[in-house]
Amino acid sequence: MDYFYKVEMTIDEEKAISDGVKLAGLYAAIDSCFKEDKIYKEVSGKLVTYYTDDKEKNGMISACVLSLYDSPMRPYLTSLVWYNKLLDNVENVLEVLKDG
């Protein structure tokens, strides 16, 4: 997978189910945030990855990451990692933003 920007996340499905959250709705809401031309999705086990090879999508991907962090879905995110290949940067968003 070639990318300039990438987001990887995992969801605590057991917690979501125990809270009465429908997984299909949870994943659909996440997908809708990243629904944009040239943003692609891959799923490997419980790891969900959204990525783009378009340099112009930085703002869109960033907005989605921040939106997820500030959403009611945050308690179900067990990981949320943002990769910016252009800046050679990797951020664990849940760690970086928790103190901010």
N, C-alpha and C. Protein backbone atom coordinates (compact mmCIF):
# COMPACT_ATOMS: atom_id res chain seq x y z
N MET A 1 0.84 -1.17 0.00
CA MET A 1 0.00 0.00 0.00
C MET A 1 0.89 1.24 0.00
N ASP A 2 0.77 2.05 -1.03
CA ASP A 2 1.44 3.34 -1.07
C ASP A 2 0.53 4.39 -0.46
N TYR A 3 1.09 5.21 0.40
CA TYR A 3 0.26 6.24 1.03
C TYR A 3 1.11 7.46 1.36
N PHE A 4 0.46 8.59 1.46
CA PHE A 4 1.05 9.78 2.05
C PHE A 4 0.55 9.94 3.48
N TYR A 5 -0.75 9.62 3.66
CA TYR A 5 -1.39 9.72 4.97
C TYR A 5 -2.14 8.43 5.25
N LYS A 6 -2.08 7.98 6.51
CA LYS A 6 -2.74 6.74 6.86
C LYS A 6 -3.21 6.83 8.30
N VAL A 7 -4.36 6.21 8.57
CA VAL A 7 -4.90 6.10 9.92
C VAL A 7 -5.19 4.63 10.18
N GLU A 8 -4.70 4.13 11.31
CA GLU A 8 -5.02 2.77 11.72
C GLU A 8 -5.77 2.83 13.04
N MET A 9 -6.81 2.00 13.14
CA MET A 9 -7.57 1.99 14.39
C MET A 9 -8.09 0.60 14.70
N THR A 10 -8.30 0.38 15.97
CA THR A 10 -8.99 -0.83 16.41
C THR A 10 -10.11 -0.41 17.36
N ILE A 11 -11.15 -1.20 17.34
CA ILE A 11 -12.35 -0.94 18.14
C ILE A 11 -12.48 -2.03 19.19
N ASP A 12 -12.84 -1.64 20.40
CA ASP A 12 -13.15 -2.61 21.46
C ASP A 12 -14.59 -3.05 21.24
N GLU A 13 -14.74 -4.08 20.43
CA GLU A 13 -16.08 -4.54 20.05
C GLU A 13 -16.85 -5.09 21.24
N GLU A 14 -16.17 -5.75 22.15
CA GLU A 14 -16.86 -6.30 23.33
C GLU A 14 -17.46 -5.19 24.18
N LYS A 15 -16.70 -4.12 24.39
CA LYS A 15 -17.21 -2.98 25.17
C LYS A 15 -18.40 -2.35 24.46
N ALA A 16 -18.28 -2.17 23.16
CA ALA A 16 -19.38 -1.57 22.40
C ALA A 16 -20.64 -2.41 22.52
N ILE A 17 -20.49 -3.71 22.33
CA ILE A 17 -21.66 -4.60 22.43
C ILE A 17 -22.24 -4.57 23.83
N SER A 18 -21.38 -4.59 24.85
CA SER A 18 -21.89 -4.57 26.23
C SER A 18 -22.60 -3.26 26.56
N ASP A 19 -22.24 -2.18 25.86
CA ASP A 19 -22.92 -0.89 26.04
C ASP A 19 -24.15 -0.76 25.15
N GLY A 20 -24.47 -1.80 24.40
CA GLY A 20 -25.65 -1.78 23.55
C GLY A 20 -25.45 -1.12 22.20
N VAL A 21 -24.20 -0.92 21.82
CA VAL A 21 -23.90 -0.29 20.53
C VAL A 21 -23.90 -1.37 19.45
N LYS A 22 -24.56 -1.08 18.35
CA LYS A 22 -24.56 -2.01 17.22
C LYS A 22 -23.29 -1.80 16.41
N LEU A 23 -22.52 -2.87 16.27
CA LEU A 23 -21.23 -2.76 15.58
C LEU A 23 -21.37 -2.29 14.15
N ALA A 24 -22.39 -2.77 13.47
CA ALA A 24 -22.58 -2.35 12.07
C ALA A 24 -22.76 -0.83 11.99
N GLY A 25 -23.52 -0.27 12.91
CA GLY A 25 -23.72 1.18 12.93
C GLY A 25 -22.47 1.93 13.30
N LEU A 26 -21.69 1.39 14.24
CA LEU A 26 -20.44 2.02 14.65
C LEU A 26 -19.46 2.08 13.49
N TYR A 27 -19.27 0.95 12.81
CA TYR A 27 -18.35 0.92 11.68
C TYR A 27 -18.86 1.76 10.50
N ALA A 28 -20.17 1.78 10.30
CA ALA A 28 -20.74 2.60 9.23
C ALA A 28 -20.48 4.09 9.49
N ALA A 29 -20.60 4.50 10.75
CA ALA A 29 -20.36 5.90 11.10
C ALA A 29 -18.90 6.27 10.84
N ILE A 30 -18.00 5.37 11.18
CA ILE A 30 -16.57 5.62 10.93
C ILE A 30 -16.31 5.68 9.43
N ASP A 31 -16.86 4.72 8.70
CA ASP A 31 -16.69 4.71 7.24
C ASP A 31 -17.20 6.00 6.60
N SER A 32 -18.33 6.50 7.11
CA SER A 32 -18.91 7.70 6.50
C SER A 32 -18.00 8.91 6.66
N CYS A 33 -17.25 8.95 7.74
CA CYS A 33 -16.31 10.06 7.95
C CYS A 33 -15.21 10.04 6.89
N PHE A 34 -14.75 8.86 6.55
CA PHE A 34 -13.64 8.72 5.61
C PHE A 34 -14.12 8.54 4.17
N LYS A 35 -15.40 8.72 3.94
CA LYS A 35 -15.95 8.52 2.60
C LYS A 35 -15.62 9.73 1.73
N GLU A 36 -14.62 9.56 0.93
CA GLU A 36 -14.11 10.65 0.09
C GLU A 36 -13.35 9.99 -1.05
N ASP A 37 -13.36 10.62 -2.20
CA ASP A 37 -12.56 10.10 -3.31
C ASP A 37 -11.10 9.97 -2.89
N LYS A 38 -10.49 8.91 -3.31
CA LYS A 38 -9.07 8.65 -3.10
C LYS A 38 -8.69 8.37 -1.65
N ILE A 39 -9.65 8.05 -0.80
CA ILE A 39 -9.36 7.53 0.53
C ILE A 39 -9.82 6.08 0.51
N TYR A 40 -8.90 5.19 0.83
CA TYR A 40 -9.14 3.76 0.70
C TYR A 40 -9.17 3.10 2.07
N LYS A 41 -9.79 1.94 2.11
CA LYS A 41 -9.94 1.21 3.37
C LYS A 41 -9.41 -0.21 3.20
N GLU A 42 -8.72 -0.67 4.24
CA GLU A 42 -8.29 -2.06 4.32
C GLU A 42 -8.62 -2.56 5.73
N VAL A 43 -9.03 -3.81 5.80
CA VAL A 43 -9.32 -4.43 7.09
C VAL A 43 -8.48 -5.69 7.21
N SER A 44 -7.79 -5.82 8.32
CA SER A 44 -6.99 -7.01 8.60
C SER A 44 -7.28 -7.42 10.03
N GLY A 45 -8.12 -8.43 10.19
CA GLY A 45 -8.55 -8.81 11.53
C GLY A 45 -9.35 -7.68 12.13
N LYS A 46 -8.91 -7.18 13.29
CA LYS A 46 -9.61 -6.07 13.95
C LYS A 46 -9.01 -4.72 13.60
N LEU A 47 -7.92 -4.71 12.83
CA LEU A 47 -7.27 -3.46 12.44
C LEU A 47 -7.93 -2.90 11.19
N VAL A 48 -8.41 -1.67 11.30
CA VAL A 48 -9.02 -0.98 10.17
C VAL A 48 -8.09 0.16 9.78
N THR A 49 -7.77 0.22 8.49
CA THR A 49 -6.84 1.23 7.98
C THR A 49 -7.51 2.03 6.88
N TYR A 50 -7.39 3.35 6.98
CA TYR A 50 -7.81 4.25 5.91
C TYR A 50 -6.55 4.96 5.44
N TYR A 51 -6.38 5.10 4.14
CA TYR A 51 -5.17 5.71 3.64
C TYR A 51 -5.44 6.39 2.30
N THR A 52 -4.49 7.26 1.94
CA THR A 52 -4.59 7.94 0.65
C THR A 52 -3.19 8.16 0.08
N ASP A 53 -3.13 8.14 -1.22
CA ASP A 53 -1.89 8.47 -1.92
C ASP A 53 -1.99 9.85 -2.56
N ASP A 54 -2.98 10.63 -2.12
CA ASP A 54 -3.23 11.97 -2.64
C ASP A 54 -2.74 12.99 -1.60
N LYS A 55 -1.73 13.77 -1.94
CA LYS A 55 -1.17 14.77 -1.03
C LYS A 55 -2.19 15.80 -0.59
N GLU A 56 -3.23 15.99 -1.36
CA GLU A 56 -4.24 17.01 -1.06
C GLU A 56 -5.26 16.56 0.00
N LYS A 57 -5.19 15.34 0.47
CA LYS A 57 -6.18 14.80 1.41
C LYS A 57 -5.77 14.93 2.87
N ASN A 58 -4.67 15.60 3.16
CA ASN A 58 -4.22 15.74 4.54
C ASN A 58 -5.30 16.35 5.43
N GLY A 59 -5.91 17.43 4.99
CA GLY A 59 -6.93 18.09 5.79
C GLY A 59 -8.13 17.19 6.04
N MET A 60 -8.53 16.46 5.04
CA MET A 60 -9.69 15.56 5.17
C MET A 60 -9.41 14.45 6.18
N ILE A 61 -8.25 13.82 6.05
CA ILE A 61 -7.90 12.74 6.97
C ILE A 61 -7.74 13.30 8.39
N SER A 62 -7.10 14.44 8.53
CA SER A 62 -6.93 15.06 9.85
C SER A 62 -8.27 15.37 10.49
N ALA A 63 -9.18 15.91 9.71
CA ALA A 63 -10.51 16.23 10.23
C ALA A 63 -11.23 14.98 10.71
N CYS A 64 -11.10 13.89 9.97
CA CYS A 64 -11.74 12.63 10.37
C CYS A 64 -11.14 12.11 11.67
N VAL A 65 -9.83 12.17 11.80
CA VAL A 65 -9.17 11.69 13.02
C VAL A 65 -9.64 12.50 14.22
N LEU A 66 -9.63 13.81 14.09
CA LEU A 66 -10.06 14.65 15.21
C LEU A 66 -11.54 14.48 15.51
N SER A 67 -12.34 14.30 14.48
CA SER A 67 -13.76 14.06 14.67
C SER A 67 -14.01 12.77 15.44
N LEU A 68 -13.29 11.72 15.09
CA LEU A 68 -13.43 10.45 15.81
C LEU A 68 -13.01 10.61 17.26
N TYR A 69 -11.92 11.32 17.49
CA TYR A 69 -11.44 11.51 18.86
C TYR A 69 -12.47 12.25 19.71
N ASP A 70 -13.12 13.23 19.12
CA ASP A 70 -14.09 14.05 19.86
C ASP A 70 -15.50 13.49 19.84
N SER A 71 -15.69 12.32 19.25
CA SER A 71 -17.03 11.76 19.09
C SER A 71 -17.39 10.81 20.23
N PRO A 72 -18.65 10.43 20.29
CA PRO A 72 -19.07 9.41 21.27
C PRO A 72 -18.44 8.05 21.00
N MET A 73 -17.74 7.89 19.89
CA MET A 73 -17.08 6.62 19.58
C MET A 73 -15.74 6.45 20.29
N ARG A 74 -15.19 7.52 20.83
CA ARG A 74 -13.86 7.46 21.45
C ARG A 74 -13.74 6.37 22.51
N PRO A 75 -14.72 6.14 23.37
CA PRO A 75 -14.55 5.08 24.38
C PRO A 75 -14.34 3.69 23.78
N TYR A 76 -14.70 3.53 22.52
CA TYR A 76 -14.58 2.22 21.88
C TYR A 76 -13.30 2.09 21.04
N LEU A 77 -12.55 3.17 20.93
CA LEU A 77 -11.29 3.13 20.19
C LEU A 77 -10.19 2.61 21.11
N THR A 78 -9.60 1.49 20.76
CA THR A 78 -8.47 0.99 21.55
C THR A 78 -7.15 1.46 20.97
N SER A 79 -7.17 1.83 19.70
CA SER A 79 -5.99 2.45 19.08
C SER A 79 -6.44 3.37 17.97
N LEU A 80 -5.69 4.44 17.80
CA LEU A 80 -5.94 5.41 16.73
C LEU A 80 -4.59 6.04 16.39
N VAL A 81 -3.98 5.57 15.33
CA VAL A 81 -2.62 5.99 14.98
C VAL A 81 -2.65 6.68 13.62
N TRP A 82 -2.03 7.85 13.57
CA TRP A 82 -1.99 8.70 12.37
C TRP A 82 -0.57 8.70 11.81
N TYR A 83 -0.45 8.42 10.52
CA TYR A 83 0.84 8.39 9.84
C TYR A 83 0.86 9.48 8.78
N ASN A 84 1.92 10.28 8.79
CA ASN A 84 2.12 11.30 7.77
C ASN A 84 3.49 11.02 7.15
N LYS A 85 3.49 10.35 6.03
CA LYS A 85 4.74 9.95 5.39
C LYS A 85 5.52 11.17 4.89
N LEU A 86 4.83 12.23 4.49
CA LEU A 86 5.52 13.42 3.98
C LEU A 86 6.37 14.07 5.06
N LEU A 87 5.91 14.03 6.31
CA LEU A 87 6.67 14.60 7.42
C LEU A 87 7.42 13.55 8.21
N ASP A 88 7.33 12.29 7.76
CA ASP A 88 7.94 11.16 8.46
C ASP A 88 7.52 11.18 9.93
N ASN A 89 6.20 11.23 10.14
CA ASN A 89 5.64 11.40 11.47
C ASN A 89 4.60 10.31 11.76
N VAL A 90 4.63 9.78 12.97
CA VAL A 90 3.63 8.83 13.44
C VAL A 90 3.16 9.31 14.80
N GLU A 91 1.83 9.41 14.98
CA GLU A 91 1.29 9.85 16.26
C GLU A 91 0.23 8.88 16.75
N ASN A 92 0.38 8.48 18.01
CA ASN A 92 -0.67 7.74 18.69
C ASN A 92 -1.66 8.80 19.18
N VAL A 93 -2.71 9.00 18.45
CA VAL A 93 -3.64 10.10 18.69
C VAL A 93 -4.28 10.02 20.08
N LEU A 94 -4.62 8.82 20.52
CA LEU A 94 -5.24 8.67 21.84
C LEU A 94 -4.29 9.13 22.95
N GLU A 95 -3.00 8.92 22.78
CA GLU A 95 -2.02 9.36 23.76
C GLU A 95 -1.73 10.86 23.64
N VAL A 96 -1.53 11.33 22.42
CA VAL A 96 -1.16 12.73 22.20
C VAL A 96 -2.25 13.68 22.67
N LEU A 97 -3.51 13.37 22.37
CA LEU A 97 -4.60 14.28 22.67
C LEU A 97 -5.17 14.13 24.08
N LYS A 98 -4.89 13.04 24.77
CA LYS A 98 -5.52 12.83 26.07
C LYS A 98 -5.10 13.88 27.09
N ASP A 99 -3.90 14.42 26.94
CA ASP A 99 -3.42 15.43 27.88
C ASP A 99 -3.74 16.85 27.42
N GLY A 100 -4.23 16.98 26.18
CA GLY A 100 -4.47 18.30 25.62
C GLY A 100 -5.81 18.75 25.91
